[in-house]
Amino acid sequence: MKTYTAFAQEMWVASGSRAEIVAALNAMPDLPRADDLLVFDDEDGRQIDVDLRETPEPEAPRGRGRPSLGVVAREVTLLPRHWDWLGEQSGGASAALRRLVDAARKAEGDGAVRRNAAYRFLTVMAGDRPGYEEAIRALYANDRDRFEALGRPWPRAIRDHAIGLAWG
């Protein structure tokens, strides 16, 4: 399930699904400025816009047949020898490519993705705070202890959410 986190200025308001975030924000009193309210995608750390008038969409009835798996067809350009090799793999070219991508993602781990998400979040929420640049260096060096020490003067909610994004 995709999750989001909302902040009102320096305060951690809520984390959860998009519908949960909308409900939590609608339950809050109005803020003096709309830009005091920020919502972030927890997967990539990017700031997103949320329409507080959103209502959860009802689930569509499930039809017969194969379930939708979110598969997207795109073009891939390969040399003939690559196509030959893929054609010889069990399950065909698409299945072989999916296995190769999954293996590569597993080998690299999700550390880089998590650090990038934390970086994007921190750029918005802590970019003007003391120790930010050194903390980013510690983040990318995977030095959690140094990161925590450098982030100690920051609001706890910001520091803790960044740690959660970067190190789980």
Protein backbone atom coordinates (compact mmCIF):
# COMPACT_ATOMS: atom_id res chain seq x y z
CA MET A 1 0.00 0.00 0.00
CA LYS A 2 1.32 3.42 -0.94
CA THR A 3 1.71 5.73 2.05
CA TYR A 4 2.06 9.45 2.54
CA THR A 5 3.08 11.72 5.40
CA ALA A 6 1.66 15.16 6.14
CA PHE A 7 3.38 17.97 8.03
CA ALA A 8 1.91 21.22 9.31
CA GLN A 9 4.94 23.47 9.57
CA GLU A 10 7.31 21.36 11.71
CA MET A 11 4.64 19.06 13.15
CA TRP A 12 4.14 15.50 11.89
CA VAL A 13 0.36 15.38 11.33
CA ALA A 14 -0.36 11.95 9.88
CA SER A 15 0.99 9.04 7.89
CA GLY A 16 -1.11 6.59 5.92
CA SER A 17 -3.02 6.11 2.71
CA ARG A 18 -4.10 9.08 0.62
CA ALA A 19 -7.65 8.80 2.00
CA GLU A 20 -6.33 8.73 5.59
CA ILE A 21 -4.20 11.81 4.93
CA VAL A 22 -7.15 13.70 3.43
CA ALA A 23 -9.34 12.75 6.43
CA ALA A 24 -6.66 13.83 8.92
CA LEU A 25 -6.08 17.15 7.19
CA ASN A 26 -9.80 17.86 6.95
CA ALA A 27 -10.10 17.26 10.70
CA MET A 28 -7.46 19.92 11.44
CA PRO A 29 -8.30 23.57 12.08
CA ASP A 30 -7.48 25.91 9.22
CA LEU A 31 -3.86 27.06 9.09
CA PRO A 32 -2.98 30.74 8.54
CA ARG A 33 -1.14 29.89 5.31
CA ALA A 34 -1.84 27.03 2.91
CA ASP A 35 1.89 26.51 2.34
CA ASP A 36 2.29 25.59 6.03
CA LEU A 37 0.77 22.22 5.09
CA LEU A 38 2.99 19.79 3.16
CA VAL A 39 2.36 16.20 2.09
CA PHE A 40 5.12 13.80 1.01
CA ASP A 41 5.06 10.50 -0.83
CA ASP A 42 6.87 8.06 1.49
CA GLU A 43 8.12 5.95 -1.41
CA ASP A 44 10.21 8.62 -3.11
CA GLY A 45 10.17 11.56 -0.66
CA ARG A 46 8.64 13.94 -3.17
CA GLN A 47 6.22 16.63 -2.08
CA ILE A 48 2.75 16.09 -3.56
CA ASP A 49 -0.40 18.15 -3.91
CA VAL A 50 -3.53 16.84 -2.22
CA ASP A 51 -7.00 18.12 -2.94
CA LEU A 52 -8.76 18.18 0.43
CA ARG A 53 -12.09 17.91 -1.37
CA GLU A 54 -11.14 14.38 -2.49
CA THR A 55 -13.45 11.59 -1.56
CA PRO A 56 -12.31 7.98 -1.68
CA GLU A 57 -13.28 6.30 -4.93
CA PRO A 58 -15.42 3.23 -4.45
CA GLU A 59 -13.75 0.01 -5.51
CA ALA A 60 -14.81 -1.11 -8.94
CA PRO A 61 -16.46 -4.49 -9.04
CA ARG A 62 -14.03 -7.17 -10.05
CA GLY A 63 -14.72 -8.66 -13.44
CA ARG A 64 -14.04 -12.11 -14.72
CA GLY A 65 -10.74 -13.13 -16.16
CA ARG A 66 -7.15 -12.39 -15.35
CA PRO A 67 -6.65 -9.66 -12.72
CA SER A 68 -4.93 -6.44 -13.74
CA LEU A 69 -1.33 -6.56 -12.54
CA GLY A 70 -0.34 -3.04 -13.51
CA VAL A 71 1.62 -4.31 -16.50
CA VAL A 72 2.63 -1.58 -18.95
CA ALA A 73 3.78 -2.39 -22.47
CA ARG A 74 6.78 -0.37 -23.67
CA GLU A 75 9.30 -0.72 -26.43
CA VAL A 76 12.72 -2.26 -25.80
CA THR A 77 15.51 -2.08 -28.37
CA LEU A 78 17.93 -5.01 -28.34
CA LEU A 79 20.38 -6.64 -30.71
CA PRO A 80 19.30 -9.87 -32.43
CA ARG A 81 21.54 -11.98 -30.18
CA HIS A 82 19.79 -10.50 -27.14
CA TRP A 83 16.36 -11.34 -28.55
CA ASP A 84 17.58 -14.88 -29.35
CA TRP A 85 18.78 -15.38 -25.78
CA LEU A 86 15.56 -13.95 -24.30
CA GLY A 87 13.46 -16.17 -26.57
CA GLU A 88 15.22 -19.26 -25.20
CA GLN A 89 14.40 -18.39 -21.56
CA SER A 90 11.51 -20.04 -19.78
CA GLY A 91 8.39 -17.91 -19.81
CA GLY A 92 9.56 -15.88 -22.79
CA ALA A 93 11.26 -12.51 -23.17
CA SER A 94 9.02 -10.53 -20.83
CA ALA A 95 9.33 -12.98 -17.96
CA ALA A 96 13.12 -13.15 -18.41
CA LEU A 97 13.42 -9.36 -18.40
CA ARG A 98 11.30 -9.13 -15.25
CA ARG A 99 13.52 -11.69 -13.50
CA LEU A 100 16.68 -9.82 -14.57
CA VAL A 101 15.32 -6.49 -13.31
CA ASP A 102 14.20 -8.01 -10.01
CA ALA A 103 17.61 -9.64 -9.51
CA ALA A 104 19.41 -6.37 -10.23
CA ARG A 105 17.16 -4.45 -7.84
CA LYS A 106 17.74 -7.05 -5.13
CA ALA A 107 21.51 -6.94 -5.68
CA GLU A 108 21.67 -3.15 -5.36
CA GLY A 109 19.32 -3.15 -2.40
CA ASP A 110 16.85 -0.42 -1.69
CA GLY A 111 19.35 1.68 0.28
CA ALA A 112 19.96 4.14 -2.55
CA VAL A 113 16.23 4.56 -3.16
CA ARG A 114 15.61 5.14 0.55
CA ARG A 115 18.45 7.67 0.85
CA ASN A 116 17.17 9.56 -2.20
CA ALA A 117 13.68 9.71 -0.67
CA ALA A 118 15.13 11.07 2.57
CA TYR A 119 17.20 13.61 0.62
CA ARG A 120 14.14 14.93 -1.26
CA PHE A 121 12.16 15.21 1.96
CA LEU A 122 15.01 16.94 3.79
CA THR A 123 15.62 19.40 0.97
CA VAL A 124 12.11 20.76 1.53
CA MET A 125 11.88 20.44 5.31
CA ALA A 126 15.46 21.02 6.51
CA GLY A 127 17.36 22.62 3.63
CA ASP A 128 17.86 25.86 5.55
CA ARG A 129 18.61 24.26 8.92
CA PRO A 130 22.03 24.14 10.57
CA GLY A 131 24.08 21.09 9.68
CA TYR A 132 21.93 20.20 6.65
CA GLU A 133 24.78 19.80 4.17
CA GLU A 134 26.88 17.69 6.52
CA ALA A 135 23.83 15.62 7.41
CA ILE A 136 23.24 14.93 3.71
CA ARG A 137 26.86 13.80 3.40
CA ALA A 138 26.32 11.46 6.37
CA LEU A 139 23.09 10.21 4.80
CA TYR A 140 24.83 9.25 1.56
CA ALA A 141 27.75 7.76 3.49
CA ASN A 142 25.15 5.59 5.27
CA ASP A 143 26.43 6.93 8.60
CA ARG A 144 23.27 6.93 10.69
CA ASP A 145 24.99 7.89 13.96
CA ARG A 146 26.55 10.99 12.40
CA PHE A 147 23.29 11.86 10.66
CA GLU A 148 21.38 11.66 13.94
CA ALA A 149 23.97 13.79 15.71
CA LEU A 150 23.87 16.45 12.98
CA GLY A 151 20.06 16.41 12.92
CA ARG A 152 19.70 16.72 16.70
CA PRO A 153 19.03 20.52 16.59
CA TRP A 154 16.21 20.02 14.06
CA PRO A 155 12.58 19.46 15.05
CA ARG A 156 12.23 15.86 16.17
CA ALA A 157 9.43 15.06 13.71
CA ILE A 158 11.56 16.10 10.74
CA ARG A 159 14.63 14.20 11.95
CA ASP A 160 12.65 11.06 12.83
CA HIS A 161 10.77 10.97 9.53
CA ALA A 162 14.03 11.36 7.58
CA ILE A 163 15.56 8.50 9.58
CA GLY A 164 12.52 6.37 8.85
CA LEU A 165 12.76 7.11 5.14
CA ALA A 166 16.49 6.43 4.98
CA TRP A 167 16.89 3.48 7.33
CA GLY A 168 13.40 2.12 7.84
